[in-house]
Amino acid sequence: MGRKLFCELNPLTYKISLEKERFKKNLVNTFSNLTFAKTKSQVLLPVVIKKHKSLIRRKLGNVDLHLQENKARSLSIATPKVSHILIKPGETFSFWYLVGRITRRKGYLEGVTISNGRPTADVGGGMCQFTNLLHWLILHTDLAIVEHHHHNGLDLFPDFKRQIPFGTGTSIVYNYLDYRFKNTTSKTYQLVVETTDEYLVGEIRATAPLAIKVHIREEEAYFYENAGNMMRHNKIYKKTIDKRTGNTISDELLLENHAKVMYDSALIDQTKIQVKKK
């Protein structure tokens, strides 16, 4: 076994390393030529491009349900910081630029987060559900995703009323792992998000309709056993179609997942377990 990295020695060295990375990102943000989206408008842009909603309180294996209630509170604090933001041509949307640091002082509570590939609790945990929603909306546009991270190689929670394919989520850490996209078009876009008693609700609007249609699909979705571990496999494709002609512009493989299942395999739909395909 090789020597451990400094960040792997103990929790303190991990925090020191994380703050170093945040400092580096701040420098990049300060001295780059990026123009971040920061203008809001309560006047809604005329064209709805895509709508989506996700259930806030979900059954996540044996995760304490009070953490789900806390997540609902944290999401209700964060959504107004993003809602009604305009992303003008040439501007870059940054989740952390708008939301800022997550702290107890601001009212955020402990929720589910991931540390070393395992669910744990931390202030603001569950915020990735917010960027998951944003990512799903942006995938259905012609905007350019410029920073996106996800939980590589891990299937952390069992499906519960899943509405979008596994593997289309995000992983965020304040001012280190961000979710960003750039408006490289001539249109202005607008995000509108809110929380209800049950759902996180969002939509992406624009000043003009898209000339394309986008379909996100999942293929080769199954579970299999490998070296004593249950694994999850799928492929995510993005198909872009010209609205005028009906012709396919592109059919792109976005991601192929081979993820280790981190929960009790008894919670898997048994009809989806099969021998790994060669």
C-alpha atoms as a PDB file:
ATOM      1  CA  MET A   1       0.000   0.000   0.000  1.00  0.00           C
ATOM      2  CA  GLY A   2       1.332   3.432  -0.943  1.00  0.00           C
ATOM      3  CA  ARG A   3       1.634   6.372   1.371  1.00  0.00           C
ATOM      4  CA  LYS A   4      -1.573   8.172   2.214  1.00  0.00           C
ATOM      5  CA  LEU A   5      -2.202  11.597   0.776  1.00  0.00           C
ATOM      6  CA  PHE A   6      -2.154  14.511   3.234  1.00  0.00           C
ATOM      7  CA  CYS A   7      -5.931  14.877   2.908  1.00  0.00           C
ATOM      8  CA  GLU A   8      -6.397  11.205   3.865  1.00  0.00           C
ATOM      9  CA  LEU A   9      -4.508  11.307   7.174  1.00  0.00           C
ATOM     10  CA  ASN A  10      -7.385  12.466   9.386  1.00  0.00           C
ATOM     11  CA  PRO A  11     -10.462  14.752   9.353  1.00  0.00           C
ATOM     12  CA  LEU A  12      -8.365  17.835  10.150  1.00  0.00           C
ATOM     13  CA  THR A  13      -5.982  17.354   7.227  1.00  0.00           C
ATOM     14  CA  TYR A  14      -8.988  16.729   4.978  1.00  0.00           C
ATOM     15  CA  LYS A  15     -10.500  20.073   6.034  1.00  0.00           C
ATOM     16  CA  ILE A  16      -7.173  21.843   5.497  1.00  0.00           C
ATOM     17  CA  SER A  17      -6.890  20.361   2.007  1.00  0.00           C
ATOM     18  CA  LEU A  18     -10.479  21.299   1.214  1.00  0.00           C
ATOM     19  CA  GLU A  19      -9.958  24.915   2.278  1.00  0.00           C
ATOM     20  CA  LYS A  20      -6.827  25.041   0.120  1.00  0.00           C
ATOM     21  CA  GLU A  21      -8.854  23.920  -2.901  1.00  0.00           C
ATOM     22  CA  ARG A  22     -11.537  26.490  -2.119  1.00  0.00           C
ATOM     23  CA  PHE A  23      -8.913  29.220  -1.936  1.00  0.00           C
ATOM     24  CA  LYS A  24      -7.544  28.154  -5.321  1.00  0.00           C
ATOM     25  CA  LYS A  25     -11.026  28.222  -6.821  1.00  0.00           C
ATOM     26  CA  ASN A  26     -11.631  31.701  -5.423  1.00  0.00           C
ATOM     27  CA  LEU A  27      -8.446  32.878  -7.129  1.00  0.00           C
ATOM     28  CA  VAL A  28      -9.559  31.378 -10.432  1.00  0.00           C
ATOM     29  CA  ASN A  29     -12.987  32.999 -10.100  1.00  0.00           C
ATOM     30  CA  THR A  30     -11.458  36.370  -9.262  1.00  0.00           C
ATOM     31  CA  PHE A  31      -8.876  36.522 -12.022  1.00  0.00           C
ATOM     32  CA  SER A  32     -10.664  34.666 -14.810  1.00  0.00           C
ATOM     33  CA  ASN A  33     -12.656  36.424 -17.502  1.00  0.00           C
ATOM     34  CA  LEU A  34     -15.865  34.627 -16.515  1.00  0.00           C
ATOM     35  CA  THR A  35     -19.013  36.713 -16.239  1.00  0.00           C
ATOM     36  CA  PHE A  36     -21.244  35.076 -13.646  1.00  0.00           C
ATOM     37  CA  ALA A  37     -25.026  35.310 -13.876  1.00  0.00           C
ATOM     38  CA  LYS A  38     -26.283  37.500 -11.020  1.00  0.00           C
ATOM     39  CA  THR A  39     -29.257  39.499 -12.347  1.00  0.00           C
ATOM     40  CA  LYS A  40     -32.751  38.445 -11.296  1.00  0.00           C
ATOM     41  CA  SER A  41     -36.120  39.396 -12.724  1.00  0.00           C
ATOM     42  CA  GLN A  42     -39.540  38.720 -11.239  1.00  0.00           C
ATOM     43  CA  VAL A  43     -40.928  39.078 -14.762  1.00  0.00           C
ATOM     44  CA  LEU A  44     -41.005  35.592 -16.236  1.00  0.00           C
ATOM     45  CA  LEU A  45     -39.492  35.004 -19.655  1.00  0.00           C
ATOM     46  CA  PRO A  46     -42.184  33.948 -22.153  1.00  0.00           C
ATOM     47  CA  VAL A  47     -41.142  30.440 -23.228  1.00  0.00           C
ATOM     48  CA  VAL A  48     -41.091  27.430 -20.895  1.00  0.00           C
ATOM     49  CA  ILE A  49     -38.414  25.035 -22.158  1.00  0.00           C
ATOM     50  CA  LYS A  50     -38.621  22.305 -19.503  1.00  0.00           C
ATOM     51  CA  LYS A  51     -40.340  21.675 -16.160  1.00  0.00           C
ATOM     52  CA  HIS A  52     -39.517  19.106 -13.496  1.00  0.00           C
ATOM     53  CA  LYS A  53     -40.238  18.331  -9.858  1.00  0.00           C
ATOM     54  CA  SER A  54     -38.628  15.927  -7.406  1.00  0.00           C
ATOM     55  CA  LEU A  55     -39.977  14.489  -4.176  1.00  0.00           C
ATOM     56  CA  ILE A  56     -38.198  16.051  -1.200  1.00  0.00           C
ATOM     57  CA  ARG A  57     -38.831  13.372   1.425  1.00  0.00           C
ATOM     58  CA  ARG A  58     -37.678  10.025   0.078  1.00  0.00           C
ATOM     59  CA  LYS A  59     -37.020   6.657   1.642  1.00  0.00           C
ATOM     60  CA  LEU A  60     -33.234   6.296   1.562  1.00  0.00           C
ATOM     61  CA  GLY A  61     -32.596   2.873   3.051  1.00  0.00           C
ATOM     62  CA  ASN A  62     -32.095   3.244   6.801  1.00  0.00           C
ATOM     63  CA  VAL A  63     -31.333   7.000   6.738  1.00  0.00           C
ATOM     64  CA  ASP A  64     -32.972   8.855   9.645  1.00  0.00           C
ATOM     65  CA  LEU A  65     -36.187  10.506   8.448  1.00  0.00           C
ATOM     66  CA  HIS A  66     -35.563  13.673  10.466  1.00  0.00           C
ATOM     67  CA  LEU A  67     -32.647  14.369   8.115  1.00  0.00           C
ATOM     68  CA  GLN A  68     -35.196  14.470   5.299  1.00  0.00           C
ATOM     69  CA  GLU A  69     -37.193  17.085   7.205  1.00  0.00           C
ATOM     70  CA  ASN A  70     -34.004  19.073   7.717  1.00  0.00           C
ATOM     71  CA  LYS A  71     -33.264  18.868   4.000  1.00  0.00           C
ATOM     72  CA  ALA A  72     -36.687  20.324   3.250  1.00  0.00           C
ATOM     73  CA  ARG A  73     -35.831  23.297   5.469  1.00  0.00           C
ATOM     74  CA  SER A  74     -32.403  23.784   3.874  1.00  0.00           C
ATOM     75  CA  LEU A  75     -33.827  23.631   0.348  1.00  0.00           C
ATOM     76  CA  SER A  76     -36.421  26.259   1.254  1.00  0.00           C
ATOM     77  CA  ILE A  77     -33.569  28.605   2.248  1.00  0.00           C
ATOM     78  CA  ALA A  78     -31.465  27.961  -0.865  1.00  0.00           C
ATOM     79  CA  THR A  79     -34.103  28.069  -3.612  1.00  0.00           C
ATOM     80  CA  PRO A  80     -34.843  31.830  -3.398  1.00  0.00           C
ATOM     81  CA  LYS A  81     -31.134  32.532  -3.942  1.00  0.00           C
ATOM     82  CA  VAL A  82     -31.349  30.919  -7.386  1.00  0.00           C
ATOM     83  CA  SER A  83     -34.959  31.457  -8.442  1.00  0.00           C
ATOM     84  CA  HIS A  84     -35.634  34.010 -11.207  1.00  0.00           C
ATOM     85  CA  ILE A  85     -31.942  34.281 -12.100  1.00  0.00           C
ATOM     86  CA  LEU A  86     -31.333  35.389 -15.686  1.00  0.00           C
ATOM     87  CA  ILE A  87     -28.526  33.751 -17.635  1.00  0.00           C
ATOM     88  CA  LYS A  88     -27.735  36.162 -20.440  1.00  0.00           C
ATOM     89  CA  PRO A  89     -25.659  35.368 -23.548  1.00  0.00           C
ATOM     90  CA  GLY A  90     -22.032  34.888 -22.557  1.00  0.00           C
ATOM     91  CA  GLU A  91     -22.796  34.480 -18.846  1.00  0.00           C
ATOM     92  CA  THR A  92     -21.924  31.477 -16.676  1.00  0.00           C
ATOM     93  CA  PHE A  93     -24.273  30.113 -14.025  1.00  0.00           C
ATOM     94  CA  SER A  94     -22.514  28.980 -10.837  1.00  0.00           C
ATOM     95  CA  PHE A  95     -24.544  27.298  -8.100  1.00  0.00           C
ATOM     96  CA  TRP A  96     -22.169  28.253  -5.293  1.00  0.00           C
ATOM     97  CA  TYR A  97     -21.722  31.802  -6.571  1.00  0.00           C
ATOM     98  CA  LEU A  98     -25.442  32.357  -5.984  1.00  0.00           C
ATOM     99  CA  VAL A  99     -26.111  30.199  -2.918  1.00  0.00           C
ATOM    100  CA  GLY A 100     -22.948  30.976  -0.978  1.00  0.00           C
ATOM    101  CA  ARG A 101     -21.538  29.068   1.962  1.00  0.00           C
ATOM    102  CA  ILE A 102     -23.895  26.759   3.849  1.00  0.00           C
ATOM    103  CA  THR A 103     -23.863  27.464   7.617  1.00  0.00           C
ATOM    104  CA  ARG A 104     -26.032  26.957  10.689  1.00  0.00           C
ATOM    105  CA  ARG A 105     -26.085  30.724  11.200  1.00  0.00           C
ATOM    106  CA  LYS A 106     -27.992  31.063   7.933  1.00  0.00           C
ATOM    107  CA  GLY A 107     -30.573  28.539   9.132  1.00  0.00           C
ATOM    108  CA  TYR A 108     -29.342  25.428   7.338  1.00  0.00           C
ATOM    109  CA  LEU A 109     -29.765  22.116   9.159  1.00  0.00           C
ATOM    110  CA  GLU A 110     -28.046  18.735   9.082  1.00  0.00           C
ATOM    111  CA  GLY A 111     -28.993  16.518   6.174  1.00  0.00           C
ATOM    112  CA  VAL A 112     -27.682  13.493   4.349  1.00  0.00           C
ATOM    113  CA  THR A 113     -24.281  13.945   2.739  1.00  0.00           C
ATOM    114  CA  ILE A 114     -21.619  11.586   1.421  1.00  0.00           C
ATOM    115  CA  SER A 115     -18.207  11.097   3.011  1.00  0.00           C
ATOM    116  CA  ASN A 116     -15.750   8.439   1.845  1.00  0.00           C
ATOM    117  CA  GLY A 117     -18.489   6.787  -0.160  1.00  0.00           C
ATOM    118  CA  ARG A 118     -20.858   6.458   2.793  1.00  0.00           C
ATOM    119  CA  PRO A 119     -23.986   8.388   3.819  1.00  0.00           C
ATOM    120  CA  THR A 120     -23.426  10.627   6.834  1.00  0.00           C
ATOM    121  CA  ALA A 121     -24.904  13.854   8.234  1.00  0.00           C
ATOM    122  CA  ASP A 122     -23.653  17.405   7.827  1.00  0.00           C
ATOM    123  CA  VAL A 123     -25.063  20.921   7.700  1.00  0.00           C
ATOM    124  CA  GLY A 124     -26.796  21.522   4.381  1.00  0.00           C
ATOM    125  CA  GLY A 125     -26.707  17.860   3.422  1.00  0.00           C
ATOM    126  CA  GLY A 126     -29.101  16.990   0.616  1.00  0.00           C
ATOM    127  CA  MET A 127     -28.350  20.132  -1.370  1.00  0.00           C
ATOM    128  CA  CYS A 128     -27.288  17.956  -4.304  1.00  0.00           C
ATOM    129  CA  GLN A 129     -31.002  17.327  -4.907  1.00  0.00           C
ATOM    130  CA  PHE A 130     -31.151  20.980  -5.941  1.00  0.00           C
ATOM    131  CA  THR A 131     -28.335  20.666  -8.476  1.00  0.00           C
ATOM    132  CA  ASN A 132     -29.771  17.321  -9.645  1.00  0.00           C
ATOM    133  CA  LEU A 133     -32.940  19.173 -10.608  1.00  0.00           C
ATOM    134  CA  LEU A 134     -30.995  21.953 -12.308  1.00  0.00           C
ATOM    135  CA  HIS A 135     -28.867  19.453 -14.237  1.00  0.00           C
ATOM    136  CA  TRP A 136     -31.939  17.632 -15.534  1.00  0.00           C
ATOM    137  CA  LEU A 137     -33.414  20.912 -16.761  1.00  0.00           C
ATOM    138  CA  ILE A 138     -30.178  22.046 -18.412  1.00  0.00           C
ATOM    139  CA  LEU A 139     -29.717  18.718 -20.201  1.00  0.00           C
ATOM    140  CA  HIS A 140     -32.884  19.559 -22.147  1.00  0.00           C
ATOM    141  CA  THR A 141     -31.489  22.836 -23.514  1.00  0.00           C
ATOM    142  CA  ASP A 142     -28.700  24.013 -25.808  1.00  0.00           C
ATOM    143  CA  LEU A 143     -26.723  25.464 -22.877  1.00  0.00           C
ATOM    144  CA  ALA A 144     -23.135  24.261 -22.365  1.00  0.00           C
ATOM    145  CA  ILE A 145     -22.432  22.417 -19.105  1.00  0.00           C
ATOM    146  CA  VAL A 146     -18.918  23.466 -18.071  1.00  0.00           C
ATOM    147  CA  GLU A 147     -18.618  21.898 -14.597  1.00  0.00           C
ATOM    148  CA  HIS A 148     -20.420  18.790 -13.417  1.00  0.00           C
ATOM    149  CA  HIS A 149     -19.417  16.162 -10.864  1.00  0.00           C
ATOM    150  CA  HIS A 150     -21.235  13.037  -9.754  1.00  0.00           C
ATOM    151  CA  HIS A 151     -20.783  10.239  -7.237  1.00  0.00           C
ATOM    152  CA  ASN A 152     -18.471   8.111  -9.346  1.00  0.00           C
ATOM    153  CA  GLY A 153     -18.876   4.386  -8.988  1.00  0.00           C
ATOM    154  CA  LEU A 154     -21.475   4.376  -6.195  1.00  0.00           C
ATOM    155  CA  ASP A 155     -25.204   3.648  -6.070  1.00  0.00           C
ATOM    156  CA  LEU A 156     -25.882   5.159  -2.661  1.00  0.00           C
ATOM    157  CA  PHE A 157     -29.633   4.803  -2.169  1.00  0.00           C
ATOM    158  CA  PRO A 158     -32.401   2.470  -3.380  1.00  0.00           C
ATOM    159  CA  ASP A 159     -34.858   3.751  -5.971  1.00  0.00           C
ATOM    160  CA  PHE A 160     -37.957   5.390  -4.504  1.00  0.00           C
ATOM    161  CA  LYS A 161     -40.403   6.864  -7.019  1.00  0.00           C
ATOM    162  CA  ARG A 162     -37.483   7.504  -9.365  1.00  0.00           C
ATOM    163  CA  GLN A 163     -38.420   9.846 -12.211  1.00  0.00           C
ATOM    164  CA  ILE A 164     -35.095  10.250 -13.999  1.00  0.00           C
ATOM    165  CA  PRO A 165     -32.431   7.679 -14.930  1.00  0.00           C
ATOM    166  CA  PHE A 166     -29.849   6.598 -12.385  1.00  0.00           C
ATOM    167  CA  GLY A 167     -26.542   8.350 -12.963  1.00  0.00           C
ATOM    168  CA  THR A 168     -27.905  11.724 -14.045  1.00  0.00           C
ATOM    169  CA  GLY A 169     -27.284  13.295 -10.637  1.00  0.00           C
ATOM    170  CA  THR A 170     -24.637  15.653  -9.305  1.00  0.00           C
ATOM    171  CA  SER A 171     -22.094  15.929  -6.503  1.00  0.00           C
ATOM    172  CA  ILE A 172     -21.318  19.335  -4.993  1.00  0.00           C
ATOM    173  CA  VAL A 173     -19.024  20.629  -2.245  1.00  0.00           C
ATOM    174  CA  TYR A 174     -19.036  24.329  -1.384  1.00  0.00           C
ATOM    175  CA  ASN A 175     -16.758  26.280  -3.719  1.00  0.00           C
ATOM    176  CA  TYR A 176     -14.796  23.152  -4.616  1.00  0.00           C
ATOM    177  CA  LEU A 177     -17.161  20.956  -6.619  1.00  0.00           C
ATOM    178  CA  ASP A 178     -19.588  23.297  -8.343  1.00  0.00           C
ATOM    179  CA  TYR A 179     -22.361  22.939 -10.895  1.00  0.00           C
ATOM    180  CA  ARG A 180     -21.905  25.391 -13.760  1.00  0.00           C
ATOM    181  CA  PHE A 181     -23.196  25.986 -17.253  1.00  0.00           C
ATOM    182  CA  LYS A 182     -22.568  28.723 -19.817  1.00  0.00           C
ATOM    183  CA  ASN A 183     -25.000  30.443 -22.124  1.00  0.00           C
ATOM    184  CA  THR A 184     -23.301  30.216 -25.497  1.00  0.00           C
ATOM    185  CA  THR A 185     -26.522  31.089 -27.346  1.00  0.00           C
ATOM    186  CA  SER A 186     -28.143  34.371 -28.389  1.00  0.00           C
ATOM    187  CA  LYS A 187     -31.133  33.802 -26.072  1.00  0.00           C
ATOM    188  CA  THR A 188     -31.517  34.788 -22.427  1.00  0.00           C
ATOM    189  CA  TYR A 189     -32.533  31.979 -20.074  1.00  0.00           C
ATOM    190  CA  GLN A 190     -34.208  32.052 -16.670  1.00  0.00           C
ATOM    191  CA  LEU A 191     -34.421  29.506 -13.850  1.00  0.00           C
ATOM    192  CA  VAL A 192     -37.489  29.465 -11.608  1.00  0.00           C
ATOM    193  CA  VAL A 193     -37.418  27.153  -8.576  1.00  0.00           C
ATOM    194  CA  GLU A 194     -39.426  26.722  -5.394  1.00  0.00           C
ATOM    195  CA  THR A 195     -40.263  24.222  -2.683  1.00  0.00           C
ATOM    196  CA  THR A 196     -43.773  23.028  -1.864  1.00  0.00           C
ATOM    197  CA  ASP A 197     -44.840  20.796   1.018  1.00  0.00           C
ATOM    198  CA  GLU A 198     -43.815  17.741  -1.021  1.00  0.00           C
ATOM    199  CA  TYR A 199     -41.678  18.736  -3.972  1.00  0.00           C
ATOM    200  CA  LEU A 200     -38.726  20.711  -5.208  1.00  0.00           C
ATOM    201  CA  VAL A 201     -40.122  22.306  -8.361  1.00  0.00           C
ATOM    202  CA  GLY A 202     -38.219  23.949 -11.183  1.00  0.00           C
ATOM    203  CA  GLU A 203     -38.439  25.196 -14.734  1.00  0.00           C
ATOM    204  CA  ILE A 204     -36.103  26.693 -17.306  1.00  0.00           C
ATOM    205  CA  ARG A 205     -37.473  29.537 -19.439  1.00  0.00           C
ATOM    206  CA  ALA A 206     -36.112  31.492 -22.389  1.00  0.00           C
ATOM    207  CA  THR A 207     -36.782  34.515 -24.561  1.00  0.00           C
ATOM    208  CA  ALA A 208     -37.411  32.294 -27.599  1.00  0.00           C
ATOM    209  CA  PRO A 209     -38.232  28.637 -28.318  1.00  0.00           C
ATOM    210  CA  LEU A 210     -35.496  26.104 -28.990  1.00  0.00           C
ATOM    211  CA  ALA A 211     -34.880  24.949 -32.543  1.00  0.00           C
ATOM    212  CA  ILE A 212     -34.219  21.477 -31.144  1.00  0.00           C
ATOM    213  CA  LYS A 213     -35.909  18.762 -29.108  1.00  0.00           C
ATOM    214  CA  VAL A 214     -33.890  16.771 -26.574  1.00  0.00           C
ATOM    215  CA  HIS A 215     -34.592  13.248 -25.332  1.00  0.00           C
ATOM    216  CA  ILE A 216     -32.615  11.688 -22.472  1.00  0.00           C
ATOM    217  CA  ARG A 217     -32.871   7.914 -22.327  1.00  0.00           C
ATOM    218  CA  GLU A 218     -31.460   5.005 -20.367  1.00  0.00           C
ATOM    219  CA  GLU A 219     -30.291   1.749 -21.941  1.00  0.00           C
ATOM    220  CA  GLU A 220     -28.793  -1.512 -20.654  1.00  0.00           C
ATOM    221  CA  ALA A 221     -30.056  -0.923 -17.114  1.00  0.00           C
ATOM    222  CA  TYR A 222     -29.480  -3.890 -14.812  1.00  0.00           C
ATOM    223  CA  PHE A 223     -27.826  -5.064 -11.588  1.00  0.00           C
ATOM    224  CA  TYR A 224     -25.204  -7.786 -11.420  1.00  0.00           C
ATOM    225  CA  GLU A 225     -22.862  -9.404  -8.908  1.00  0.00           C
ATOM    226  CA  ASN A 226     -19.109  -8.999  -9.207  1.00  0.00           C
ATOM    227  CA  ALA A 227     -16.522 -10.299  -6.713  1.00  0.00           C
ATOM    228  CA  GLY A 228     -19.140 -10.477  -3.980  1.00  0.00           C
ATOM    229  CA  ASN A 229     -20.444  -6.958  -4.593  1.00  0.00           C
ATOM    230  CA  MET A 230     -23.753  -6.002  -6.141  1.00  0.00           C
ATOM    231  CA  MET A 231     -23.202  -3.579  -9.021  1.00  0.00           C
ATOM    232  CA  ARG A 232     -25.479  -1.345 -11.068  1.00  0.00           C
ATOM    233  CA  HIS A 233     -25.035  -0.698 -14.767  1.00  0.00           C
ATOM    234  CA  ASN A 234     -26.687   1.612 -17.254  1.00  0.00           C
ATOM    235  CA  LYS A 235     -25.962   3.931 -20.145  1.00  0.00           C
ATOM    236  CA  ILE A 236     -27.348   7.457 -20.488  1.00  0.00           C
ATOM    237  CA  TYR A 237     -27.878   8.929 -23.962  1.00  0.00           C
ATOM    238  CA  LYS A 238     -28.828  12.415 -25.137  1.00  0.00           C
ATOM    239  CA  LYS A 239     -30.588  12.565 -28.496  1.00  0.00           C
ATOM    240  CA  THR A 240     -30.948  15.982 -30.146  1.00  0.00           C
ATOM    241  CA  ILE A 241     -33.497  16.432 -32.942  1.00  0.00           C
ATOM    242  CA  ASP A 242     -34.018  19.343 -35.329  1.00  0.00           C
ATOM    243  CA  LYS A 243     -37.613  20.511 -34.755  1.00  0.00           C
ATOM    244  CA  ARG A 244     -38.022  21.799 -38.307  1.00  0.00           C
ATOM    245  CA  THR A 245     -36.826  18.744 -40.210  1.00  0.00           C
ATOM    246  CA  GLY A 246     -37.252  16.002 -37.626  1.00  0.00           C
ATOM    247  CA  ASN A 247     -33.704  14.860 -38.362  1.00  0.00           C
ATOM    248  CA  THR A 248     -31.419  13.612 -35.616  1.00  0.00           C
ATOM    249  CA  ILE A 249     -28.585  16.071 -35.066  1.00  0.00           C
ATOM    250  CA  SER A 250     -26.725  13.928 -32.542  1.00  0.00           C
ATOM    251  CA  ASP A 251     -27.195  10.863 -30.350  1.00  0.00           C
ATOM    252  CA  GLU A 252     -24.552  11.133 -27.662  1.00  0.00           C
ATOM    253  CA  LEU A 253     -23.538   8.701 -24.922  1.00  0.00           C
ATOM    254  CA  LEU A 254     -23.320  10.945 -21.865  1.00  0.00           C
ATOM    255  CA  LEU A 255     -22.288   8.366 -19.310  1.00  0.00           C
ATOM    256  CA  GLU A 256     -21.878   4.650 -18.698  1.00  0.00           C
ATOM    257  CA  ASN A 257     -22.266   3.645 -15.061  1.00  0.00           C
ATOM    258  CA  HIS A 258     -20.703   0.678 -13.281  1.00  0.00           C
ATOM    259  CA  ALA A 259     -21.639   1.553  -9.706  1.00  0.00           C
ATOM    260  CA  LYS A 260     -21.228  -0.395  -6.487  1.00  0.00           C
ATOM    261  CA  VAL A 261     -24.525  -0.765  -4.617  1.00  0.00           C
ATOM    262  CA  MET A 262     -24.071   0.646  -1.110  1.00  0.00           C
ATOM    263  CA  TYR A 263     -27.421  -0.483   0.355  1.00  0.00           C
ATOM    264  CA  ASP A 264     -29.063  -3.813   1.163  1.00  0.00           C
ATOM    265  CA  SER A 265     -29.506  -5.718  -2.104  1.00  0.00           C
ATOM    266  CA  ALA A 266     -32.864  -6.957  -0.801  1.00  0.00           C
ATOM    267  CA  LEU A 267     -34.182  -3.483  -1.673  1.00  0.00           C
ATOM    268  CA  ILE A 268     -33.413  -4.010  -5.374  1.00  0.00           C
ATOM    269  CA  ASP A 269     -36.182  -4.993  -7.770  1.00  0.00           C
ATOM    270  CA  GLN A 270     -35.221  -8.650  -8.204  1.00  0.00           C
ATOM    271  CA  THR A 271     -36.398  -8.692 -11.826  1.00  0.00           C
ATOM    272  CA  LYS A 272     -33.571  -6.266 -12.657  1.00  0.00           C
ATOM    273  CA  ILE A 273     -30.769  -8.516 -11.377  1.00  0.00           C
ATOM    274  CA  GLN A 274     -29.018 -10.514 -14.063  1.00  0.00           C
ATOM    275  CA  VAL A 275     -25.720 -12.029 -15.039  1.00  0.00           C
ATOM    276  CA  LYS A 276     -23.279  -9.367 -16.229  1.00  0.00           C
ATOM    277  CA  LYS A 277     -23.334  -9.080 -19.988  1.00  0.00           C
ATOM    278  CA  LYS A 278     -20.081  -9.847 -21.755  1.00  0.00           C
END
